[in-house]
Protein backbone atom coordinates (compact mmCIF):
# COMPACT_ATOMS: atom_id res chain seq x y z
CA MET A 1 -22.82 11.89 -62.20
CA ALA A 2 -23.38 7.97 -62.25
CA LEU A 3 -27.13 6.80 -61.89
CA TYR A 4 -28.66 3.35 -62.67
CA GLU A 5 -32.12 1.90 -63.04
CA ILE A 6 -33.45 -0.82 -61.40
CA ARG A 7 -36.58 -2.84 -63.11
CA ARG A 8 -37.15 -5.52 -61.38
CA ASN A 9 -40.17 -6.28 -59.80
CA ALA A 10 -41.39 -2.95 -61.33
CA GLU A 11 -44.11 -3.96 -63.45
CA ASN A 12 -47.62 -2.52 -63.40
CA GLN A 13 -50.25 -4.81 -64.96
CA ILE A 14 -53.50 -3.94 -66.06
CA VAL A 15 -56.06 -5.22 -68.14
CA LEU A 16 -56.86 -3.57 -71.52
CA GLY A 17 -59.91 -4.12 -73.52
CA LYS A 18 -58.62 -5.76 -77.62
CA ASN A 19 -59.03 -2.88 -79.04
CA GLU A 20 -57.58 -0.65 -76.60
CA ARG A 21 -54.10 -3.10 -76.26
CA GLU A 22 -54.33 -3.01 -80.43
CA SER A 23 -54.53 0.83 -80.41
CA ILE A 24 -50.54 0.96 -79.07
CA VAL A 25 -48.15 0.94 -81.36
CA ILE A 26 -44.73 0.01 -80.57
CA GLY A 27 -41.01 0.20 -82.62
CA SER A 28 -40.25 3.31 -84.43
CA GLU A 29 -40.90 1.95 -87.87
CA ASN A 30 -44.48 1.16 -86.42
CA VAL A 31 -44.87 4.47 -84.77
CA VAL A 32 -44.05 6.80 -87.94
CA ARG A 33 -46.16 4.46 -90.22
CA ALA A 34 -48.52 5.47 -87.41
CA ILE A 35 -48.37 8.97 -87.37
CA MET A 36 -48.37 8.97 -91.13
CA LYS A 37 -51.76 6.91 -91.06
CA ALA A 38 -53.34 9.48 -88.32
CA ILE A 39 -52.16 12.44 -90.67
CA THR A 40 -53.61 10.65 -93.71
CA GLU A 41 -56.60 10.29 -91.93
CA ARG A 42 -57.26 13.80 -91.15
CA GLN A 43 -56.34 14.94 -94.27
CA ILE A 44 -59.05 12.78 -96.01
CA GLN A 45 -61.37 13.84 -93.15
CA VAL A 46 -61.06 18.05 -93.20
CA ARG A 47 -60.00 17.70 -97.21
CA ARG A 48 -56.98 20.00 -96.85
CA PRO A 49 -53.25 20.13 -95.77
CA VAL A 50 -53.17 18.84 -91.97
CA THR A 51 -51.27 21.21 -89.78
CA VAL A 52 -49.54 18.78 -86.96
CA ALA A 53 -48.22 19.77 -83.36
CA PHE A 54 -45.14 17.64 -81.99
CA ASP A 55 -44.87 19.07 -78.44
CA GLY A 56 -42.79 17.04 -75.95
CA TRP A 57 -40.40 17.28 -72.83
CA TYR A 58 -36.77 18.32 -73.12
CA GLY A 59 -34.09 15.51 -74.65
CA VAL A 60 -36.43 14.02 -77.34
CA ASP A 61 -34.81 13.06 -80.73
CA TRP A 62 -36.33 15.52 -82.62
CA ALA A 63 -33.82 15.14 -85.40
CA ALA A 64 -34.46 11.56 -85.83
CA ILE A 65 -38.12 11.70 -85.53
CA THR A 66 -38.84 14.41 -88.33
CA LYS A 67 -36.28 12.82 -90.62
CA THR A 68 -37.37 9.41 -90.44
CA LEU A 69 -41.31 10.42 -90.84
CA GLY A 70 -39.72 12.65 -93.73
CA VAL A 71 -38.41 9.87 -95.70
CA ALA A 72 -41.77 7.72 -94.96
CA ALA A 73 -43.92 10.70 -96.70
CA LYS A 74 -41.47 11.46 -99.64
CA GLN A 75 -41.63 7.35 -100.32
CA ALA A 76 -45.05 7.51 -99.82
CA GLY A 77 -45.40 10.10 -102.13
CA LYS A 78 -46.19 12.95 -100.24
CA ASP A 79 -44.71 16.36 -98.83
CA ILE A 80 -44.67 16.96 -95.08
CA ARG A 81 -42.80 20.39 -94.12
CA PHE A 82 -41.38 20.78 -90.76
CA ARG A 83 -40.74 23.89 -88.77
CA SER A 84 -38.94 23.79 -85.39
CA VAL A 85 -40.82 25.52 -82.86
CA ASN A 86 -36.46 26.79 -81.41
CA ALA A 87 -37.22 29.76 -84.02
CA VAL A 88 -39.85 31.08 -82.36
CA PHE A 89 -38.12 31.67 -78.47
CA LYS A 90 -36.57 34.78 -77.95
CA ASP A 91 -32.91 35.37 -78.20
CA SER A 92 -30.01 33.80 -76.24
CA SER A 93 -29.55 36.86 -74.08
CA ALA A 94 -32.90 37.60 -73.43
CA LEU A 95 -33.49 33.94 -72.30
CA ALA A 96 -30.62 33.90 -70.30
CA ARG A 97 -31.71 37.44 -68.62
CA TYR A 98 -34.85 35.83 -67.57
CA LYS A 99 -33.44 32.66 -66.02
CA GLN A 100 -30.83 34.33 -64.55
CA SER A 101 -33.07 35.31 -61.70
CA PHE A 102 -33.89 31.68 -60.76
CA ILE A 103 -30.66 30.42 -60.71
CA THR A 104 -28.88 32.65 -58.23
CA ASP A 105 -25.77 32.87 -56.88
CA ASP A 106 -26.40 30.55 -54.09
CA PRO A 107 -24.18 26.49 -54.34
CA CYS A 108 -26.94 24.90 -52.99
CA PHE A 109 -30.23 26.29 -54.21
CA GLY A 110 -32.15 28.38 -56.78
CA LEU A 111 -35.44 30.06 -56.75
CA VAL A 112 -38.62 28.12 -58.32
CA ASN A 113 -40.00 29.77 -61.15
CA THR A 114 -43.52 29.87 -59.53
CA ASN A 115 -45.67 31.79 -62.17
CA GLY A 116 -43.80 31.13 -65.41
CA HIS A 117 -44.99 29.60 -68.78
CA LEU A 118 -43.42 29.06 -71.90
CA SER A 119 -44.95 31.73 -73.48
CA ASP A 120 -43.04 34.44 -71.19
CA ILE A 121 -40.11 33.21 -73.37
CA LEU A 122 -41.34 33.29 -77.03
CA ASP A 123 -40.75 36.09 -79.27
CA ALA A 124 -44.79 37.31 -80.01
CA GLY A 125 -43.90 38.26 -83.50
CA LYS A 126 -42.67 35.22 -84.27
CA VAL A 127 -45.26 32.83 -82.55
CA ASP A 128 -47.51 35.13 -84.62
CA GLY A 129 -45.47 34.33 -87.86
CA LEU A 130 -45.64 30.83 -87.17
CA ARG A 131 -49.79 30.74 -86.39
CA ASN A 132 -50.07 32.67 -89.74
CA GLU A 133 -47.89 30.22 -92.07
CA LEU A 134 -50.02 27.29 -90.01
CA ARG A 135 -53.30 28.88 -91.17
CA SER A 136 -52.01 29.42 -94.49
CA ALA A 137 -51.20 26.07 -95.20
CA GLN A 138 -54.68 24.56 -94.88
CA LYS A 139 -55.81 26.96 -97.40
CA GLU A 140 -53.05 25.91 -99.98
CA LYS A 141 -55.13 23.88 -102.67
CA ASN A 142 -51.82 22.37 -103.80
CA GLY A 143 -50.01 22.29 -100.69
CA PRO A 144 -48.39 19.56 -98.47
CA VAL A 145 -50.06 16.80 -96.80
CA ALA A 146 -48.67 18.56 -93.49
CA VAL A 147 -46.81 21.07 -92.05
CA VAL A 148 -45.81 19.61 -88.51
CA ALA A 149 -44.04 22.25 -85.73
CA PHE A 150 -42.12 20.74 -83.45
CA GLY A 151 -40.49 20.92 -80.34
CA ALA A 152 -40.72 22.01 -76.56
CA GLY A 153 -43.87 24.61 -76.49
CA ALA A 154 -44.76 23.77 -80.04
CA ALA A 155 -48.67 23.59 -78.72
CA VAL A 156 -48.27 26.56 -76.27
CA PRO A 157 -51.95 28.00 -76.11
CA GLU A 158 -51.45 30.92 -78.91
CA LEU A 159 -50.60 28.38 -80.84
CA SER A 160 -52.57 25.09 -79.76
CA GLU A 161 -55.77 26.20 -82.34
CA ALA A 162 -54.19 26.22 -85.41
CA TYR A 163 -53.45 22.48 -85.47
CA ASP A 164 -55.43 19.56 -86.45
CA LEU A 165 -53.62 17.19 -84.84
CA CYS A 166 -51.06 17.09 -81.28
CA PHE A 167 -48.87 14.61 -80.38
CA TYR A 168 -46.95 14.89 -76.82
CA PHE A 169 -43.73 13.03 -76.82
CA ASP A 170 -42.89 12.16 -73.21
CA LYS A 171 -39.40 11.46 -71.60
CA THR A 172 -38.68 9.88 -68.25
CA ARG A 173 -36.06 11.78 -65.55
CA GLN A 174 -33.00 9.71 -65.71
CA PRO A 175 -32.10 9.54 -69.77
CA LEU A 176 -33.37 13.55 -69.16
CA LEU A 177 -30.26 13.67 -66.58
CA TRP A 178 -27.72 11.59 -68.46
CA GLN A 179 -28.10 13.78 -71.62
CA MET A 180 -27.76 16.82 -69.17
CA TRP A 181 -24.28 15.52 -67.30
CA ASP A 182 -23.05 14.34 -70.93
CA GLY A 183 -23.50 17.93 -72.26
CA THR A 184 -25.53 17.04 -74.74
CA LEU A 185 -29.05 18.20 -73.52
CA ALA A 186 -30.50 21.51 -76.18
CA PRO A 187 -32.40 23.96 -74.03
CA PHE A 188 -35.02 26.20 -75.32
CA GLY A 189 -34.43 27.89 -78.14
CA ARG A 190 -31.44 26.02 -79.62
CA ASN A 191 -31.23 23.26 -82.07
CA GLU A 192 -27.56 22.29 -80.83
CA PRO A 193 -26.66 21.00 -77.36
CA GLU A 194 -25.36 22.97 -74.70
CA PRO A 195 -22.71 21.48 -72.64
CA LYS A 196 -22.63 24.43 -70.30
CA TYR A 197 -26.39 23.71 -69.44
CA GLY A 198 -27.04 23.48 -65.47
CA TRP A 199 -28.70 21.84 -63.07
CA LYS A 200 -30.04 24.91 -61.64
CA GLU A 201 -31.16 26.50 -64.45
CA TYR A 202 -33.62 22.88 -65.07
CA TYR A 203 -34.85 22.47 -62.01
CA TYR A 204 -35.71 25.84 -60.57
CA CYS A 205 -36.79 27.10 -64.04
CA ASP A 206 -37.05 24.80 -67.36
CA PHE A 207 -38.79 22.58 -65.77
CA TYR A 208 -41.79 24.20 -64.31
CA LEU A 209 -41.96 25.80 -68.03
CA LEU A 210 -41.79 22.51 -69.28
CA ASP A 211 -44.45 20.77 -66.40
CA ARG A 212 -46.82 23.43 -67.09
CA GLN A 213 -46.66 22.95 -70.52
CA LYS A 214 -47.33 19.39 -70.22
CA GLY A 215 -50.33 19.94 -68.31
CA TYR A 216 -51.78 22.33 -70.47
CA ILE A 217 -50.99 19.15 -73.12
CA LEU A 218 -52.22 16.13 -71.68
CA PRO A 219 -55.79 16.75 -71.89
CA ARG A 220 -55.66 18.03 -75.23
CA MET A 221 -53.40 16.03 -76.92
CA ASP A 222 -54.80 13.66 -79.77
CA PHE A 223 -51.35 11.14 -79.30
CA TRP A 224 -49.31 10.24 -76.19
CA MET A 225 -45.79 8.80 -77.55
CA GLU A 226 -42.99 7.13 -75.02
CA ALA A 227 -40.00 8.73 -76.34
CA ILE A 228 -37.43 7.73 -74.14
CA GLY A 229 -35.39 6.75 -77.46
CA PHE A 230 -36.08 6.94 -80.75
CA LYS A 231 -35.89 2.98 -81.44
CA THR A 232 -38.55 2.22 -78.53
CA LEU A 233 -40.97 4.42 -79.57
CA LYS A 234 -44.48 4.02 -78.20
CA MET A 235 -47.44 5.80 -78.96
CA MET A 236 -51.33 5.31 -78.03
CA PRO A 237 -54.49 7.42 -78.45
CA ARG A 238 -55.37 9.84 -75.81
CA LYS A 239 -58.62 7.69 -74.80
CA THR A 240 -55.99 4.56 -74.14
CA TYR A 241 -53.52 6.52 -72.33
CA ASP A 242 -56.16 8.54 -70.14
CA LYS A 243 -57.72 4.87 -69.61
CA VAL A 244 -54.40 3.35 -68.49
CA CYS A 245 -53.42 6.29 -65.78
CA ALA A 246 -57.16 6.22 -64.48
CA MET A 247 -56.68 2.48 -63.62
CA LEU A 248 -53.43 2.82 -62.29
CA VAL A 249 -54.42 5.19 -59.72
CA ARG A 250 -57.09 2.90 -58.22
CA ARG A 251 -54.40 0.59 -56.72
CA PRO A 252 -50.75 0.12 -55.32
CA ILE A 253 -48.05 1.23 -57.76
CA LYS A 254 -44.45 0.04 -58.36
CA GLU A 255 -41.79 2.45 -59.44
CA VAL A 256 -38.80 1.80 -61.20
CA ASN A 257 -36.16 2.18 -58.62
CA ILE A 258 -32.89 4.28 -59.13
CA ILE A 259 -29.02 3.73 -57.64
CA GLN A 260 -26.61 5.87 -57.45
CA PRO A 261 -22.71 5.94 -55.80
CA GLY A 262 -21.61 8.12 -52.96
CA PRO A 263 -18.32 9.01 -50.86
CA TRP A 264 -19.93 6.23 -47.98
CA GLY A 265 -21.42 4.11 -50.09
CA ALA A 266 -21.70 0.37 -49.14
CA TYR A 267 -21.74 -2.68 -51.04
CA ARG A 268 -25.00 -4.57 -49.63
CA TYR A 269 -26.11 -3.90 -53.28
CA LYS A 270 -23.42 -6.60 -54.56
CA ASP A 271 -25.84 -9.63 -53.07
CA LEU A 272 -29.18 -7.83 -54.68
CA PHE A 273 -28.52 -6.46 -57.65
CA ASN A 274 -25.91 -7.39 -60.89
CA VAL A 275 -25.14 -3.70 -61.73
CA PRO A 276 -21.89 -3.82 -63.98
CA GLY A 277 -20.06 -0.51 -63.52
CA LEU A 278 -21.32 0.74 -60.37
CA GLY A 279 -18.50 0.80 -57.73
CA CYS A 280 -20.89 1.09 -54.83
CA ASN A 281 -24.07 2.52 -53.81
CA ALA A 282 -24.81 5.00 -51.30
CA TRP A 283 -28.73 5.94 -52.23
CA HIS A 284 -30.93 3.46 -53.51
CA GLU A 285 -34.44 5.36 -54.32
CA LEU A 286 -37.68 3.08 -54.14
CA ALA A 287 -40.49 5.60 -54.22
CA GLY A 288 -40.69 9.64 -55.28
CA PRO A 289 -42.12 11.74 -57.78
CA GLU A 290 -39.40 11.75 -59.74
CA LEU A 291 -39.53 8.25 -60.55
CA SER A 292 -40.94 6.43 -63.05
CA VAL A 293 -43.54 3.78 -63.45
CA LEU A 294 -43.62 0.62 -66.26
CA ILE A 295 -46.83 -0.55 -67.40
CA ASP A 296 -47.55 -4.40 -68.74
CA CYS A 297 -51.06 -3.46 -71.09
CA GLY A 298 -50.71 -7.08 -72.43
CA GLY A 299 -48.34 -5.96 -75.13
CA LYS A 300 -45.36 -7.38 -76.32
CA GLU A 301 -43.35 -4.60 -74.07
CA MET A 302 -44.16 -2.64 -71.38
CA VAL A 303 -45.19 1.34 -71.76
CA ASN A 304 -42.49 3.60 -69.34
CA PHE A 305 -43.76 7.11 -68.36
CA PRO A 306 -43.08 9.34 -65.65
CA PHE A 307 -45.03 8.60 -62.25
CA MET A 308 -45.83 12.47 -61.91
CA ASN A 309 -48.61 12.06 -65.15
CA LEU A 310 -50.74 10.32 -62.64
CA MET A 311 -51.18 13.46 -60.58
CA ARG A 312 -53.65 14.55 -63.18
CA HIS A 313 -55.63 12.07 -60.79
CA ALA A 314 -54.18 13.32 -57.68
CA ASP A 315 -57.44 13.47 -55.79
CA LEU A 316 -57.36 9.64 -55.93
CA LEU A 317 -53.34 9.67 -55.94
CA VAL A 318 -52.59 11.70 -52.98
CA GLY A 319 -55.80 12.38 -51.41
CA SER A 320 -58.19 15.67 -51.43
CA TYR A 321 -55.98 16.81 -48.33
CA LEU A 322 -52.45 17.26 -50.09
CA VAL A 323 -54.31 18.23 -53.33
CA GLU A 324 -55.93 21.23 -51.12
CA THR A 325 -52.43 21.97 -49.10
CA TYR A 326 -50.17 21.62 -51.14
CA PRO A 327 -51.97 21.52 -55.15
CA GLY A 328 -49.50 19.59 -57.72
CA LEU A 329 -46.95 18.11 -55.34
CA PHE A 330 -46.14 14.40 -54.24
CA PRO A 331 -44.52 15.18 -50.98
CA LEU A 332 -42.68 11.36 -50.42
CA ASP A 333 -39.36 10.23 -51.13
CA ILE A 334 -38.36 6.76 -49.60
CA TRP A 335 -34.74 5.65 -50.15
CA LEU A 336 -32.75 2.66 -48.68
CA ASP A 337 -29.29 3.69 -47.42
CA ASP A 338 -26.71 1.18 -48.38
CA GLY A 339 -24.08 0.95 -45.06
CA TYR A 340 -22.80 -2.50 -45.61
CA PHE A 341 -19.10 -3.02 -45.14
CA PRO A 342 -17.51 -7.15 -45.71
CA LYS A 343 -14.77 -5.81 -43.58
CA PRO A 344 -14.30 -3.95 -40.91
CA ALA A 345 -13.63 0.00 -41.98
CA PRO A 346 -12.81 3.34 -39.99
CA ALA A 347 -16.25 5.09 -39.02
CA GLU A 348 -15.44 7.86 -41.21
CA ARG A 349 -15.63 5.30 -44.39
CA ILE A 350 -18.76 3.53 -42.79
CA SER A 351 -20.66 6.66 -41.17
CA MET A 352 -23.68 8.59 -43.07
CA PRO A 353 -23.19 12.23 -43.59
CA ILE A 354 -24.92 14.43 -41.06
CA HIS A 355 -27.96 15.88 -42.76
CA ASN A 356 -29.36 19.36 -42.01
CA HIS A 357 -32.00 20.17 -44.09
CA PRO A 358 -34.18 23.51 -44.21
CA SER A 359 -38.06 24.01 -42.78
CA THR A 360 -40.48 24.57 -45.25
CA ASP A 361 -40.48 28.20 -43.42
CA TYR A 362 -36.79 28.80 -44.80
CA VAL A 363 -36.89 27.39 -48.15
CA ARG A 364 -40.16 28.93 -48.66
CA GLN A 365 -38.93 32.45 -47.41
CA HIS A 366 -35.59 31.96 -49.36
CA PHE A 367 -36.50 29.90 -52.70
CA LYS A 368 -40.19 29.74 -52.89
CA GLU A 369 -39.89 25.99 -52.62
CA PRO A 370 -43.42 24.59 -51.74
CA LEU A 371 -41.70 22.40 -48.71
CA GLY A 372 -38.93 21.52 -46.65
CA ARG A 373 -37.20 18.17 -45.80
CA TYR A 374 -37.73 15.87 -42.95
CA GLU A 375 -36.34 12.86 -42.72
CA THR A 376 -37.47 10.03 -40.48
CA TYR A 377 -35.09 7.04 -40.62
CA TYR A 378 -35.60 3.01 -39.78
CA ILE A 379 -33.20 0.14 -39.62
CA ALA A 380 -33.92 -2.26 -42.27
CA GLU A 381 -31.02 -4.41 -41.60
CA ALA A 382 -28.09 -4.36 -38.87
CA TYR A 383 -24.73 -5.69 -39.17
CA GLU A 384 -22.12 -6.42 -37.04
CA GLY A 385 -20.10 -3.63 -35.70
CA ALA A 386 -23.44 -1.22 -37.08
CA ASN A 387 -23.91 2.20 -34.81
CA THR A 388 -25.63 5.34 -34.78
CA TRP A 389 -23.96 8.90 -33.63
CA HIS A 390 -26.13 11.57 -31.59
CA GLY A 391 -24.81 14.23 -29.60
CA TYR A 392 -21.49 15.82 -29.66
CA LYS A 393 -18.04 15.06 -28.36
CA ASP A 394 -17.12 16.26 -25.00
CA ASP A 395 -14.79 19.00 -25.92
CA ALA A 396 -17.13 20.78 -28.53
CA ASP A 397 -17.93 24.35 -28.13
CA LEU A 398 -21.77 24.77 -28.31
CA GLU A 399 -21.63 28.27 -28.40
CA GLU A 400 -19.42 28.62 -31.65
CA TRP A 401 -21.70 25.95 -32.90
CA GLU A 402 -24.43 28.14 -32.49
CA ARG A 403 -22.72 31.29 -33.88
CA LEU A 404 -21.65 29.43 -37.07
CA CYS A 405 -25.52 28.21 -37.49
CA ARG A 406 -26.69 31.78 -36.86
CA ALA A 407 -24.30 32.94 -39.45
CA SER A 408 -25.06 30.48 -41.91
CA ASN A 409 -28.47 31.25 -41.79
CA ASN A 410 -27.90 34.96 -42.77
CA LEU A 411 -25.64 34.17 -45.58
């Protein structure tokens, strides 16, 4: 599926102090040097080998990060041991059994993993083994400069106390979706991609495990990392990251827009954007929880992170009512649907599809979704021949229509 980002007019400018601006490190080479510096300084401080967690979201290029850091350490005459946290997950059959109840046979919905945590899919014995290895490494007199455990879940609560340093490698939604659609995403417990990894496995199970782990780590990490791509790595201390977030939620926020083609997609976008390769545009998302935020902190490049990172300040972002009623939820999407055709076209081509979304009660009962979908439409532009459809054709069999609706509710 094609998906394009629009970064035009998406910059959020904030003013940081000189020391805060200079604490933001940009570029993979600079970031690797900064990681080495942080490890070395902590080693000098504690006078022993340092244990380090590289935790993060799905889709991070762990291979490039660990390889480059290992080379840098060797060039500095130091040794770093790397341990993939994938080794402490349960085996593939156990992971499949855990996830199956959330994937379901429904063609459009799964079942939300409302209470799961990454600890649920870890092998307790293997976790104990890694924790013991980390603590033993801290006692080695002639040991490595550091032992780095890397991967999503590296700093779960059962392991977090065994680390001297914690880095969180973050990733925005769109590049992750491209990996998933291309079959290049490696899920929990795998060092290699899983081409058959499905969207319901992510959206109904793994997303919630990752999100809860992220919520645990962000207030505990030492450094936040933008890890959308290896070459564009960025790094900032938690103190700077927290200040950036606190400043953003006290002002209007602009997001990086996305646009996607669709069977009824049209062509107004050609007058608005230059998007090579996009044949038509049906959905243009202007605001929503899955988008990302660009922040101009006064440096050479902007920082990019998921909008939902700001929900740690939900009381300021959405207000107390939503915090209490829908905790952790940002309940609004704004889309611009393209319906412009430069030449006359059949109604079947220019009309939008019928949208029949389930209610909150229905999705809660059947799929454990927290909120149904309710749409309100506003006409932003109208062109010659534009129209709306409402009601039924004269020969419509309303009783049959009702019967089919009731039957679909019982599937």
